[in-house]
C-alpha atoms as a PDB file:
ATOM      1  CA  MET A   1    -140.263 112.589 -13.043  1.00  0.00           C
ATOM      2  CA  ALA A   2    -142.220 109.691 -14.590  1.00  0.00           C
ATOM      3  CA  THR A   3    -143.993 108.240 -11.553  1.00  0.00           C
ATOM      4  CA  PRO A   4    -145.399 104.732 -11.950  1.00  0.00           C
ATOM      5  CA  LEU A   5    -149.159 104.700 -12.491  1.00  0.00           C
ATOM      6  CA  SER A   6    -151.639 103.539  -9.873  1.00  0.00           C
ATOM      7  CA  ALA A   7    -153.289 100.209 -10.607  1.00  0.00           C
ATOM      8  CA  ALA A   8    -156.542 101.953 -11.347  1.00  0.00           C
ATOM      9  CA  ARG A   9    -154.922 104.414 -13.772  1.00  0.00           C
ATOM     10  CA  LEU A  10    -152.948 101.664 -15.491  1.00  0.00           C
ATOM     11  CA  LEU A  11    -156.135  99.736 -16.171  1.00  0.00           C
ATOM     12  CA  ALA A  12    -157.955 102.864 -17.288  1.00  0.00           C
ATOM     13  CA  ILE A  13    -155.413 103.937 -19.936  1.00  0.00           C
ATOM     14  CA  LEU A  14    -155.453 100.461 -21.517  1.00  0.00           C
ATOM     15  CA  LYS A  15    -159.248 100.413 -21.665  1.00  0.00           C
ATOM     16  CA  ALA A  16    -159.292 103.917 -23.154  1.00  0.00           C
ATOM     17  CA  GLU A  17    -156.962 102.718 -25.912  1.00  0.00           C
ATOM     18  CA  GLY A  18    -159.373  99.937 -26.794  1.00  0.00           C
ATOM     19  CA  VAL A  19    -157.499  97.041 -25.176  1.00  0.00           C
ATOM     20  CA  LYS A  20    -159.559  94.124 -23.893  1.00  0.00           C
ATOM     21  CA  THR A  21    -158.490  93.595 -20.299  1.00  0.00           C
ATOM     22  CA  ALA A  22    -158.749  91.115 -17.455  1.00  0.00           C
ATOM     23  CA  GLU A  23    -157.408  91.201 -13.918  1.00  0.00           C
ATOM     24  CA  TYR A  24    -155.354  88.442 -12.330  1.00  0.00           C
ATOM     25  CA  PRO A  25    -156.240  87.948  -8.652  1.00  0.00           C
ATOM     26  CA  ASP A  26    -154.343  90.290  -6.323  1.00  0.00           C
ATOM     27  CA  TRP A  27    -152.460  91.958  -9.205  1.00  0.00           C
ATOM     28  CA  ARG A  28    -152.958  95.427  -7.644  1.00  0.00           C
ATOM     29  CA  THR A  29    -150.817  94.509  -4.610  1.00  0.00           C
ATOM     30  CA  ARG A  30    -148.320  92.023  -6.109  1.00  0.00           C
ATOM     31  CA  GLY A  31    -144.824  93.145  -6.953  1.00  0.00           C
ATOM     32  CA  ARG A  32    -141.096  92.756  -6.173  1.00  0.00           C
ATOM     33  CA  ASP A  33    -140.506  96.047  -4.295  1.00  0.00           C
ATOM     34  CA  ALA A  34    -140.570  94.755  -0.738  1.00  0.00           C
ATOM     35  CA  ALA A  35    -138.829  91.447  -1.443  1.00  0.00           C
ATOM     36  CA  THR A  36    -135.887  93.143  -3.190  1.00  0.00           C
ATOM     37  CA  GLY A  37    -135.694  96.363  -1.139  1.00  0.00           C
ATOM     38  CA  ARG A  38    -135.821  98.299  -4.417  1.00  0.00           C
ATOM     39  CA  THR A  39    -138.399 100.805  -5.632  1.00  0.00           C
ATOM     40  CA  PHE A  40    -140.274 100.729  -8.929  1.00  0.00           C
ATOM     41  CA  GLY A  41    -139.708 103.991 -10.756  1.00  0.00           C
ATOM     42  CA  PRO A  42    -139.213 106.518 -12.002  1.00  0.00           C
ATOM     43  CA  VAL A  43    -140.115 104.799 -15.254  1.00  0.00           C
ATOM     44  CA  HIS A  44    -138.792 105.814 -18.654  1.00  0.00           C
ATOM     45  CA  MET A  45    -139.732 103.086 -21.165  1.00  0.00           C
ATOM     46  CA  ILE A  46    -141.760 100.049 -22.022  1.00  0.00           C
ATOM     47  CA  LEU A  47    -139.955  96.734 -22.618  1.00  0.00           C
ATOM     48  CA  ASN A  48    -141.532  94.022 -24.788  1.00  0.00           C
ATOM     49  CA  HIS A  49    -140.996  90.280 -24.522  1.00  0.00           C
ATOM     50  CA  HIS A  50    -142.292  86.946 -25.816  1.00  0.00           C
ATOM     51  CA  THR A  51    -143.149  84.345 -23.199  1.00  0.00           C
ATOM     52  CA  ALA A  52    -141.176  81.532 -24.933  1.00  0.00           C
ATOM     53  CA  GLY A  53    -144.008  79.205 -23.959  1.00  0.00           C
ATOM     54  CA  SER A  54    -147.774  78.664 -24.092  1.00  0.00           C
ATOM     55  CA  ASN A  55    -150.488  78.884 -21.410  1.00  0.00           C
ATOM     56  CA  SER A  56    -148.082  81.060 -19.434  1.00  0.00           C
ATOM     57  CA  LEU A  57    -150.411  83.438 -17.674  1.00  0.00           C
ATOM     58  CA  ALA A  58    -149.975  81.962 -14.155  1.00  0.00           C
ATOM     59  CA  VAL A  59    -146.206  81.833 -14.629  1.00  0.00           C
ATOM     60  CA  VAL A  60    -146.053  85.475 -15.676  1.00  0.00           C
ATOM     61  CA  ALA A  61    -148.571  86.817 -13.169  1.00  0.00           C
ATOM     62  CA  LYS A  62    -147.592  84.934 -10.052  1.00  0.00           C
ATOM     63  CA  ASN A  63    -145.574  81.677 -10.117  1.00  0.00           C
ATOM     64  CA  GLY A  64    -142.421  82.770 -11.941  1.00  0.00           C
ATOM     65  CA  VAL A  65    -139.761  80.268 -12.936  1.00  0.00           C
ATOM     66  CA  ALA A  66    -136.841  78.628 -11.150  1.00  0.00           C
ATOM     67  CA  GLY A  67    -134.594  81.346  -9.725  1.00  0.00           C
ATOM     68  CA  LEU A  68    -136.934  84.125 -10.845  1.00  0.00           C
ATOM     69  CA  PRO A  69    -140.065  84.794  -8.748  1.00  0.00           C
ATOM     70  CA  GLY A  70    -143.200  86.315 -10.264  1.00  0.00           C
ATOM     71  CA  PRO A  71    -144.623  88.587 -11.303  1.00  0.00           C
ATOM     72  CA  LEU A  72    -142.612  88.502 -14.526  1.00  0.00           C
ATOM     73  CA  ALA A  73    -144.418  91.439 -16.213  1.00  0.00           C
ATOM     74  CA  HIS A  74    -147.018  94.078 -15.720  1.00  0.00           C
ATOM     75  CA  VAL A  75    -149.193  92.782 -18.527  1.00  0.00           C
ATOM     76  CA  HIS A  76    -149.632  89.349 -20.089  1.00  0.00           C
ATOM     77  CA  LEU A  77    -150.946  89.425 -23.668  1.00  0.00           C
ATOM     78  CA  ALA A  78    -152.751  86.327 -24.960  1.00  0.00           C
ATOM     79  CA  LYS A  79    -153.163  85.152 -28.558  1.00  0.00           C
ATOM     80  CA  SER A  80    -156.761  86.363 -28.425  1.00  0.00           C
ATOM     81  CA  GLY A  81    -155.611  89.951 -27.742  1.00  0.00           C
ATOM     82  CA  LEU A  82    -156.709  89.816 -24.099  1.00  0.00           C
ATOM     83  CA  ALA A  83    -154.369  91.743 -21.808  1.00  0.00           C
ATOM     84  CA  THR A  84    -154.304  90.419 -18.257  1.00  0.00           C
ATOM     85  CA  MET A  85    -153.082  92.738 -15.560  1.00  0.00           C
ATOM     86  CA  CYS A  86    -150.329  91.026 -13.529  1.00  0.00           C
ATOM     87  CA  SER A  87    -148.778  93.809 -11.452  1.00  0.00           C
ATOM     88  CA  ALA A  88    -148.660  97.529 -10.940  1.00  0.00           C
ATOM     89  CA  SER A  89    -145.359  97.420  -9.070  1.00  0.00           C
ATOM     90  CA  ARG A  90    -141.834  96.193  -9.731  1.00  0.00           C
ATOM     91  CA  ALA A  91    -141.742  93.022 -11.840  1.00  0.00           C
ATOM     92  CA  ASN A  92    -138.961  90.602 -12.759  1.00  0.00           C
ATOM     93  CA  HIS A  93    -138.981  91.080 -16.560  1.00  0.00           C
ATOM     94  CA  ALA A  94    -136.089  93.247 -17.742  1.00  0.00           C
ATOM     95  CA  GLY A  95    -133.081  92.065 -15.805  1.00  0.00           C
ATOM     96  CA  THR A  96    -129.833  93.959 -16.361  1.00  0.00           C
ATOM     97  CA  MET A  97    -129.809  96.466 -19.189  1.00  0.00           C
ATOM     98  CA  ALA A  98    -126.796  97.838 -20.969  1.00  0.00           C
ATOM     99  CA  LYS A  99    -126.573 101.525 -20.134  1.00  0.00           C
ATOM    100  CA  ASN A 100    -125.854 102.629 -23.701  1.00  0.00           C
ATOM    101  CA  ALA A 101    -129.031 100.889 -24.884  1.00  0.00           C
ATOM    102  CA  TYR A 102    -131.106 102.152 -21.998  1.00  0.00           C
ATOM    103  CA  ASP A 103    -129.908 105.719 -22.484  1.00  0.00           C
ATOM    104  CA  SER A 104    -131.089 105.704 -26.083  1.00  0.00           C
ATOM    105  CA  PHE A 105    -134.630 104.950 -24.897  1.00  0.00           C
ATOM    106  CA  LEU A 106    -134.395 107.390 -22.015  1.00  0.00           C
ATOM    107  CA  LYS A 107    -133.393 110.147 -24.435  1.00  0.00           C
ATOM    108  CA  GLU A 108    -135.844 108.919 -27.079  1.00  0.00           C
ATOM    109  CA  SER A 109    -133.094 108.666 -29.663  1.00  0.00           C
ATOM    110  CA  SER A 110    -134.032 107.816 -33.241  1.00  0.00           C
ATOM    111  CA  THR A 111    -131.455 105.012 -33.203  1.00  0.00           C
ATOM    112  CA  HIS A 112    -130.794 102.343 -30.601  1.00  0.00           C
ATOM    113  CA  PRO A 113    -127.285 100.863 -30.386  1.00  0.00           C
ATOM    114  CA  ALA A 114    -126.543  97.225 -29.705  1.00  0.00           C
ATOM    115  CA  PRO A 115    -126.302  96.687 -25.945  1.00  0.00           C
ATOM    116  CA  SER A 116    -122.732  96.910 -24.660  1.00  0.00           C
ATOM    117  CA  LYS A 117    -121.876  95.698 -21.167  1.00  0.00           C
ATOM    118  CA  SER A 118    -118.802  97.915 -21.139  1.00  0.00           C
ATOM    119  CA  SER A 119    -121.021 100.994 -21.172  1.00  0.00           C
ATOM    120  CA  GLY A 120    -122.253 100.143 -17.686  1.00  0.00           C
ATOM    121  CA  THR A 121    -125.498  98.564 -16.563  1.00  0.00           C
ATOM    122  CA  VAL A 122    -128.937  99.607 -15.261  1.00  0.00           C
ATOM    123  CA  ASP A 123    -131.491  97.518 -13.328  1.00  0.00           C
ATOM    124  CA  GLY A 124    -134.231  97.405 -15.965  1.00  0.00           C
ATOM    125  CA  ASN A 125    -136.877  96.261 -13.504  1.00  0.00           C
ATOM    126  CA  ASP A 126    -136.650  99.641 -11.733  1.00  0.00           C
ATOM    127  CA  VAL A 127    -137.222 101.788 -14.817  1.00  0.00           C
ATOM    128  CA  SER A 128    -139.469  99.951 -17.310  1.00  0.00           C
ATOM    129  CA  TYR A 129    -142.892  98.518 -17.739  1.00  0.00           C
ATOM    130  CA  GLY A 130    -142.866  94.922 -19.003  1.00  0.00           C
ATOM    131  CA  ILE A 131    -145.225  93.295 -21.505  1.00  0.00           C
ATOM    132  CA  GLU A 132    -145.047  89.525 -21.933  1.00  0.00           C
ATOM    133  CA  THR A 133    -146.727  88.453 -25.158  1.00  0.00           C
ATOM    134  CA  GLU A 134    -147.778  84.790 -25.591  1.00  0.00           C
ATOM    135  CA  ASN A 135    -145.507  83.206 -28.209  1.00  0.00           C
ATOM    136  CA  LEU A 136    -143.207  80.158 -28.324  1.00  0.00           C
ATOM    137  CA  GLY A 137    -140.350  82.377 -29.473  1.00  0.00           C
ATOM    138  CA  ASN A 138    -139.119  79.773 -31.946  1.00  0.00           C
ATOM    139  CA  GLY A 139    -139.319  82.138 -34.917  1.00  0.00           C
ATOM    140  CA  LYS A 140    -142.248  80.137 -36.319  1.00  0.00           C
ATOM    141  CA  ASP A 141    -145.078  80.640 -33.889  1.00  0.00           C
ATOM    142  CA  VAL A 142    -147.370  83.355 -35.246  1.00  0.00           C
ATOM    143  CA  TYR A 143    -148.564  86.434 -33.416  1.00  0.00           C
ATOM    144  CA  THR A 144    -152.242  86.739 -34.281  1.00  0.00           C
ATOM    145  CA  ARG A 145    -153.702  89.888 -35.851  1.00  0.00           C
ATOM    146  CA  GLU A 146    -155.736  90.572 -32.694  1.00  0.00           C
ATOM    147  CA  GLN A 147    -152.692  90.093 -30.507  1.00  0.00           C
ATOM    148  CA  TYR A 148    -150.439  92.416 -32.479  1.00  0.00           C
ATOM    149  CA  ASP A 149    -153.129  95.099 -32.615  1.00  0.00           C
ATOM    150  CA  ALA A 150    -153.551  94.953 -28.835  1.00  0.00           C
ATOM    151  CA  TRP A 151    -149.746  94.992 -28.420  1.00  0.00           C
ATOM    152  CA  VAL A 152    -149.529  98.238 -30.364  1.00  0.00           C
ATOM    153  CA  ARG A 153    -152.378  99.708 -28.342  1.00  0.00           C
ATOM    154  CA  ILE A 154    -150.809  98.788 -24.983  1.00  0.00           C
ATOM    155  CA  ASN A 155    -147.479 100.425 -25.837  1.00  0.00           C
ATOM    156  CA  THR A 156    -149.261 103.454 -27.273  1.00  0.00           C
ATOM    157  CA  ALA A 157    -151.340 103.845 -24.080  1.00  0.00           C
ATOM    158  CA  PHE A 158    -148.149 104.204 -22.005  1.00  0.00           C
ATOM    159  CA  CYS A 159    -146.622 106.627 -24.517  1.00  0.00           C
ATOM    160  CA  ARG A 160    -149.795 108.682 -24.668  1.00  0.00           C
ATOM    161  CA  GLU A 161    -150.094 108.855 -20.849  1.00  0.00           C
ATOM    162  CA  TYR A 162    -146.505 109.951 -20.269  1.00  0.00           C
ATOM    163  CA  ASP A 163    -146.216 112.032 -23.448  1.00  0.00           C
ATOM    164  CA  TRP A 164    -143.440 109.766 -24.684  1.00  0.00           C
ATOM    165  CA  SER A 165    -142.594 109.187 -28.331  1.00  0.00           C
ATOM    166  CA  ALA A 166    -142.526 105.737 -29.879  1.00  0.00           C
ATOM    167  CA  GLU A 167    -138.745 105.764 -29.274  1.00  0.00           C
ATOM    168  CA  SER A 168    -139.488 104.912 -25.628  1.00  0.00           C
ATOM    169  CA  VAL A 169    -140.751 101.497 -26.857  1.00  0.00           C
ATOM    170  CA  GLY A 170    -138.070  98.837 -26.563  1.00  0.00           C
ATOM    171  CA  CYS A 171    -137.609  95.143 -26.991  1.00  0.00           C
ATOM    172  CA  HIS A 172    -135.725  92.824 -24.639  1.00  0.00           C
ATOM    173  CA  LYS A 173    -133.149  91.948 -27.269  1.00  0.00           C
ATOM    174  CA  GLU A 174    -132.333  95.628 -27.650  1.00  0.00           C
ATOM    175  CA  THR A 175    -131.331  96.145 -24.028  1.00  0.00           C
ATOM    176  CA  SER A 176    -130.194  92.798 -22.590  1.00  0.00           C
ATOM    177  CA  ILE A 177    -126.510  92.049 -21.917  1.00  0.00           C
ATOM    178  CA  GLU A 178    -127.447  88.355 -21.765  1.00  0.00           C
ATOM    179  CA  GLY A 179    -128.113  87.875 -25.499  1.00  0.00           C
ATOM    180  CA  LYS A 180    -131.903  87.723 -25.311  1.00  0.00           C
ATOM    181  CA  ILE A 181    -133.725  87.263 -28.625  1.00  0.00           C
ATOM    182  CA  ASP A 182    -137.206  88.401 -27.793  1.00  0.00           C
ATOM    183  CA  PRO A 183    -139.545  89.268 -29.272  1.00  0.00           C
ATOM    184  CA  ARG A 184    -139.325  87.574 -32.677  1.00  0.00           C
ATOM    185  CA  GLY A 185    -141.529  85.665 -35.085  1.00  0.00           C
ATOM    186  CA  PRO A 186    -144.102  86.213 -37.826  1.00  0.00           C
ATOM    187  CA  VAL A 187    -147.184  88.378 -37.387  1.00  0.00           C
ATOM    188  CA  GLU A 188    -150.482  87.336 -39.036  1.00  0.00           C
ATOM    189  CA  GLY A 189    -151.234  90.899 -40.112  1.00  0.00           C
ATOM    190  CA  TYR A 190    -152.005  94.398 -39.011  1.00  0.00           C
ATOM    191  CA  GLY A 191    -154.330  96.996 -40.521  1.00  0.00           C
ATOM    192  CA  THR A 192    -154.169  96.522 -44.271  1.00  0.00           C
ATOM    193  CA  ARG A 193    -150.862  94.648 -44.054  1.00  0.00           C
ATOM    194  CA  GLY A 194    -150.678  90.880 -44.524  1.00  0.00           C
ATOM    195  CA  ARG A 195    -148.197  88.563 -42.859  1.00  0.00           C
ATOM    196  CA  PHE A 196    -144.818  90.090 -41.891  1.00  0.00           C
ATOM    197  CA  GLU A 197    -141.946  89.479 -39.536  1.00  0.00           C
ATOM    198  CA  PHE A 198    -141.849  91.278 -36.219  1.00  0.00           C
ATOM    199  CA  THR A 199    -139.123  93.858 -35.940  1.00  0.00           C
ATOM    200  CA  PRO A 200    -138.610  96.526 -33.260  1.00  0.00           C
ATOM    201  CA  ASP A 201    -138.382  99.286 -35.903  1.00  0.00           C
ATOM    202  CA  GLN A 202    -141.714  98.351 -37.542  1.00  0.00           C
ATOM    203  CA  PHE A 203    -143.340  98.025 -34.105  1.00  0.00           C
ATOM    204  CA  ARG A 204    -142.258 101.529 -33.144  1.00  0.00           C
ATOM    205  CA  LYS A 205    -143.556 102.837 -36.503  1.00  0.00           C
ATOM    206  CA  ASP A 206    -146.914 101.311 -35.753  1.00  0.00           C
ATOM    207  CA  VAL A 207    -146.944 102.876 -32.280  1.00  0.00           C
ATOM    208  CA  ALA A 208    -145.924 106.226 -33.789  1.00  0.00           C
ATOM    209  CA  GLU A 209    -148.712 106.089 -36.308  1.00  0.00           C
ATOM    210  CA  ARG A 210    -151.264 105.302 -33.593  1.00  0.00           C
ATOM    211  CA  LEU A 211    -150.042 108.228 -31.485  1.00  0.00           C
ATOM    212  CA  LYS A 212    -151.083 110.551 -34.342  1.00  0.00           C
ATOM    213  CA  HIS A 213    -154.725 109.574 -33.703  1.00  0.00           C
ATOM    214  CA  PRO A 214    -157.052 109.708 -30.708  1.00  0.00           C
ATOM    215  CA  ALA A 215    -157.139 106.684 -28.364  1.00  0.00           C
ATOM    216  CA  SER A 216    -160.479 105.643 -29.901  1.00  0.00           C
ATOM    217  CA  TRP A 217    -158.885 105.177 -33.380  1.00  0.00           C
ATOM    218  CA  SER A 218    -158.589 101.843 -35.120  1.00  0.00           C
ATOM    219  CA  PRO A 219    -156.360 101.247 -38.153  1.00  0.00           C
ATOM    220  CA  PRO A 220    -158.198 100.588 -41.431  1.00  0.00           C
ATOM    221  CA  THR A 221    -158.478  96.900 -42.160  1.00  0.00           C
ATOM    222  CA  THR A 222    -159.350  97.019 -45.889  1.00  0.00           C
ATOM    223  CA  THR A 223    -157.723  98.764 -48.808  1.00  0.00           C
ATOM    224  CA  THR A 224    -159.492 101.778 -50.313  1.00  0.00           C
ATOM    225  CA  PRO A 225    -161.540 100.549 -53.321  1.00  0.00           C
ATOM    226  CA  ALA A 226    -160.442 101.762 -56.706  1.00  0.00           C
ATOM    227  CA  PRO A 227    -162.619 104.477 -58.154  1.00  0.00           C
ATOM    228  CA  ALA A 228    -165.275 103.322 -60.625  1.00  0.00           C
ATOM    229  CA  PRO A 229    -164.150 103.730 -64.242  1.00  0.00           C
ATOM    230  CA  LYS A 230    -165.519 106.753 -66.060  1.00  0.00           C
ATOM    231  CA  PRO A 231    -167.888 105.990 -68.991  1.00  0.00           C
ATOM    232  CA  PRO A 232    -166.309 106.647 -72.409  1.00  0.00           C
ATOM    233  CA  THR A 233    -167.043 109.958 -74.117  1.00  0.00           C
ATOM    234  CA  THR A 234    -168.919 110.162 -77.418  1.00  0.00           C
ATOM    235  CA  ASP A 235    -165.633 110.733 -79.309  1.00  0.00           C
ATOM    236  CA  GLU A 236    -164.081 107.662 -77.611  1.00  0.00           C
ATOM    237  CA  ARG A 237    -167.068 105.506 -78.558  1.00  0.00           C
ATOM    238  CA  ILE A 238    -166.957 106.703 -82.191  1.00  0.00           C
ATOM    239  CA  THR A 239    -163.240 106.038 -82.365  1.00  0.00           C
ATOM    240  CA  ALA A 240    -163.642 102.525 -80.925  1.00  0.00           C
ATOM    241  CA  LEU A 241    -166.465 101.816 -83.416  1.00  0.00           C
ATOM    242  CA  GLU A 242    -164.369 103.002 -86.352  1.00  0.00           C
ATOM    243  CA  LYS A 243    -161.531 100.699 -85.216  1.00  0.00           C
ATOM    244  CA  ARG A 244    -163.898  97.707 -85.083  1.00  0.00           C
ATOM    245  CA  VAL A 245    -165.292  98.520 -88.565  1.00  0.00           C
ATOM    246  CA  THR A 246    -161.777  98.880 -89.974  1.00  0.00           C
ATOM    247  CA  ALA A 247    -160.752  95.556 -88.449  1.00  0.00           C
ATOM    248  CA  LEU A 248    -163.796  93.761 -89.937  1.00  0.00           C
ATOM    249  CA  GLU A 249    -163.101  95.270 -93.363  1.00  0.00           C
ATOM    250  CA  LYS A 250    -159.530  93.994 -93.311  1.00  0.00           C
ATOM    251  CA  LYS A 251    -160.754  90.566 -92.233  1.00  0.00           C
ATOM    252  CA  GLU A 252    -163.300  90.317 -95.100  1.00  0.00           C
ATOM    253  CA  SER A 253    -160.775  91.451 -97.694  1.00  0.00           C
END
């Protein structure tokens, strides 16, 4: 039974993973449980989103949008890599999930099928933590290096706490029956990697790699320098000299 974490524990696991955190006012008591008559949990996965806007912290944490009250996620992740705590309870982020897609994350399958409404549906807000990452979602806006690193850390923190594999890490477009496209867009870089396109599979690989290390670990940010060349041996120097002498003799003749 994966019981939702207390607000204090949720904050603690992110800090332990090296995530820079902030707390939105009243986040510890804000949620959608009482208003909907539903209960948050048990939880079985993390669901990742892009905000499809900028300066969206207040929208995510409290205000919501037309027809969808806040909070819209448990964590808002800024371009700077700052994770702001928005809720420790049920949040309006996941909507209705296709059961076939949800089941693949529940069972930590190595593959995740395209969401099919005919398989049945699950209320995703009951069973998943939501991360809203600041990005316009137009396929051009870049996730910064600091932001992506924090994103990997946040997802890893949940997996580490619950003893989940990286296959419990999902993206909204992988579960939604409404044709959601998030997250998408270019990433500035991560570790020794330069610019690349965000994909759920690569994201899970980065989480899986981080899970192999302690929470205090940071990925290397520079390539390993090439070893210094060995000085030539005496025979190699003599051979090189003979070649130069032979070349000069040919030139003079």
